Protein backbone atom coordinates (compact mmCIF):
# COMPACT_ATOMS: atom_id res chain seq x y z
CA MET A 1 14.48 -15.34 -1.16
CA ARG A 2 12.77 -13.00 1.23
CA ALA A 3 10.76 -9.92 0.33
CA HIS A 4 9.35 -6.83 2.02
CA HIS A 5 6.18 -6.78 -0.06
CA VAL A 6 4.55 -7.80 -3.33
CA ARG A 7 2.57 -5.44 -5.55
CA ILE A 8 0.34 -6.67 -8.34
CA THR A 9 -1.01 -4.23 -10.92
CA THR A 10 -3.16 -4.54 -14.03
CA PHE A 11 -5.64 -2.55 -16.06
CA ILE A 12 -9.29 -3.23 -16.78
CA HIS A 13 -10.25 -1.77 -20.13
CA ALA A 14 -13.84 -0.84 -20.96
CA THR A 15 -14.10 -3.90 -23.23
CA GLU A 16 -13.06 -6.31 -20.46
CA ASP A 17 -15.12 -8.06 -17.82
CA GLU A 18 -13.94 -6.79 -14.43
CA ASP A 19 -14.61 -10.12 -12.68
CA LYS A 20 -12.50 -11.97 -15.25
CA VAL A 21 -9.59 -9.60 -14.74
CA LEU A 22 -9.85 -10.03 -10.97
CA ASP A 23 -9.88 -13.81 -11.53
CA ALA A 24 -6.65 -13.43 -13.50
CA ILE A 25 -5.03 -11.71 -10.52
CA ALA A 26 -6.40 -14.39 -8.18
CA THR A 27 -4.54 -17.04 -10.21
CA LEU A 28 -1.29 -15.59 -8.86
CA ILE A 29 -2.41 -15.39 -5.23
CA PRO A 30 -2.47 -18.62 -3.22
CA GLU A 31 -5.72 -19.50 -1.48
CA GLU A 32 -4.04 -19.71 1.93
CA ILE A 33 -3.47 -15.95 1.98
CA ASP A 34 -6.32 -14.37 3.93
CA GLU A 35 -8.27 -11.58 2.27
CA GLU A 36 -7.33 -9.19 5.07
CA ASP A 37 -3.65 -9.73 4.16
CA ILE A 38 -4.24 -8.25 0.68
CA TYR A 39 -4.84 -4.56 0.20
CA PHE A 40 -6.91 -4.01 -2.96
CA ASP A 41 -7.36 -0.66 -4.64
CA VAL A 42 -9.27 0.00 -7.86
CA SER A 43 -9.08 3.49 -9.30
CA GLU A 44 -10.62 4.89 -12.44
CA THR A 45 -8.80 6.89 -15.06
CA LYS A 46 -9.04 7.63 -18.75
CA GLY A 47 -6.97 6.25 -21.59
CA TYR A 48 -5.24 8.22 -24.33
CA PHE A 49 -8.48 8.54 -26.31
CA GLY A 50 -10.65 9.27 -23.26
CA ASN A 51 -11.78 5.69 -22.84
CA PRO A 52 -12.43 4.60 -19.23
CA ILE A 53 -9.76 2.39 -17.66
CA LYS A 54 -9.65 0.94 -14.17
CA VAL A 55 -6.29 0.42 -12.51
CA VAL A 56 -6.20 -2.51 -10.10
CA ASN A 57 -3.51 -2.64 -7.43
CA ALA A 58 -3.11 -5.42 -4.89
CA GLU A 59 -0.46 -5.31 -2.20
CA ILE A 60 0.72 -8.06 0.12
CA THR A 61 2.88 -6.86 3.01
CA ARG A 62 2.56 -9.33 5.89
CA SER A 63 5.66 -11.51 6.08
CA ARG A 64 3.75 -14.79 6.26
CA ALA A 65 1.57 -13.86 3.29
CA VAL A 66 4.57 -12.66 1.26
CA ARG A 67 6.39 -15.96 1.94
CA SER A 68 3.29 -17.88 0.88
CA PHE A 69 3.01 -15.82 -2.31
CA LEU A 70 6.67 -16.40 -3.22
CA LYS A 71 6.45 -20.14 -2.57
CA ASN A 72 3.31 -20.37 -4.73
CA LEU A 73 4.78 -18.21 -7.51
CA LYS A 74 7.87 -20.37 -7.71
CA GLU A 75 5.69 -23.48 -8.05
CA LEU A 76 3.59 -21.82 -10.79
CA LEU A 77 6.58 -20.84 -12.93
CA SER A 78 7.43 -23.23 -15.75
CA GLU A 79 11.04 -24.27 -16.30
CA GLY A 80 11.05 -22.11 -19.43
CA ASP A 81 9.86 -19.06 -17.49
CA ARG A 82 12.44 -19.66 -14.75
CA SER A 83 15.16 -19.86 -17.40
CA TYR A 84 13.88 -16.68 -19.03
CA ILE A 85 13.98 -14.79 -15.72
CA LEU A 86 17.50 -16.08 -14.99
CA GLU A 87 18.70 -15.01 -18.44
CA HIS A 88 17.21 -11.52 -18.03
CA LEU A 89 17.77 -10.89 -14.32
CA ASP A 90 19.82 -7.77 -14.90
CA GLU A 91 16.85 -6.22 -16.74
CA LYS A 92 14.25 -7.56 -14.28
CA VAL A 93 15.81 -6.06 -11.12
CA ASP A 94 16.16 -2.34 -10.51
CA GLU A 95 18.66 -0.43 -8.36
CA GLU A 96 16.19 -0.30 -5.44
CA GLY A 97 15.97 -4.10 -5.26
CA THR A 98 12.61 -4.66 -6.96
CA LEU A 99 12.08 -7.70 -9.17
CA TYR A 100 9.66 -6.99 -12.05
CA LEU A 101 7.67 -9.80 -13.65
CA ARG A 102 4.85 -9.56 -16.20
CA PHE A 103 2.30 -12.31 -16.78
CA ASN A 104 -0.12 -12.85 -19.65
CA LYS A 105 -3.50 -11.62 -18.36
CA GLN A 106 -5.63 -13.78 -20.68
CA LYS A 107 -3.81 -16.97 -19.74
CA ALA A 108 -3.93 -16.07 -16.04
CA TYR A 109 -7.71 -15.82 -16.32
CA LEU A 110 -7.65 -19.40 -17.66
CA GLY A 111 -5.59 -20.47 -14.64
CA GLU A 112 -2.27 -20.60 -16.48
CA VAL A 113 0.79 -18.63 -15.42
CA GLU A 114 3.05 -17.53 -18.26
CA LEU A 115 5.54 -14.68 -18.46
CA ASP A 116 4.73 -12.10 -21.12
CA GLU A 117 6.41 -8.91 -22.28
CA GLY A 118 3.30 -7.62 -24.06
CA ALA A 119 1.00 -4.79 -23.07
CA ASP A 120 -1.98 -6.78 -21.72
CA VAL A 121 -0.34 -8.16 -18.61
CA VAL A 122 -0.54 -8.53 -14.87
CA GLN A 123 2.57 -6.89 -13.47
CA VAL A 124 4.12 -8.28 -10.29
CA ARG A 125 6.71 -6.22 -8.40
CA ILE A 126 8.56 -7.96 -5.59
CA LYS A 127 10.62 -5.77 -3.23
CA VAL A 128 13.39 -8.18 -2.29
CA LYS A 129 15.08 -8.17 1.12
CA ALA A 130 18.82 -8.35 0.56
CA PHE A 131 21.82 -7.34 2.59
CA PRO A 132 23.53 -5.24 1.58
CA MET A 133 20.73 -3.69 -0.46
CA ARG A 134 22.46 -3.60 -3.81
CA LYS A 135 21.24 -4.76 -7.18
CA GLU A 136 23.94 -7.44 -7.29
CA ALA A 137 22.82 -8.89 -3.93
CA VAL A 138 19.19 -8.98 -5.07
CA ILE A 139 20.13 -10.70 -8.34
CA LYS A 140 22.11 -13.29 -6.36
CA ASP A 141 19.13 -13.94 -4.04
CA VAL A 142 16.65 -14.25 -6.93
CA ARG A 143 19.02 -16.57 -8.79
CA GLU A 144 19.40 -18.83 -5.74
CA TRP A 145 15.63 -18.83 -5.17
CA LEU A 146 14.89 -19.90 -8.74
CA GLU A 147 17.65 -22.50 -8.90
CA GLU A 148 17.02 -24.24 -5.55
């Protein structure tokens, strides 16, 4: 599978340690990706009850870094998580060719990678390169990537 870019997003709530949340994101990013190949943005906002929340976005766009991320991600996924993605591919891919994955933030901080559909997650969006750019083509590419 090839991709245009990878975007990683999570929230840092007032009760959380910012460094720990950043460590959770780092669990998903292989060490061989240079820091200059990752665009980080942290913005501050307020939650529903006015509580401060930081939104962390990381973007990887360089082809070499994206390939490295995808290779690493595939290695980190358990067989159970691969099966789950394959079973739910139609829900995980949108019409624009983006694959959406959500990982447990607490486990990622501990160095474990586990899919999670809860609220406290690290979201990974992968803009897949497929030709023709149709949802069906993207699903086929993701399926082949996970099954090879």
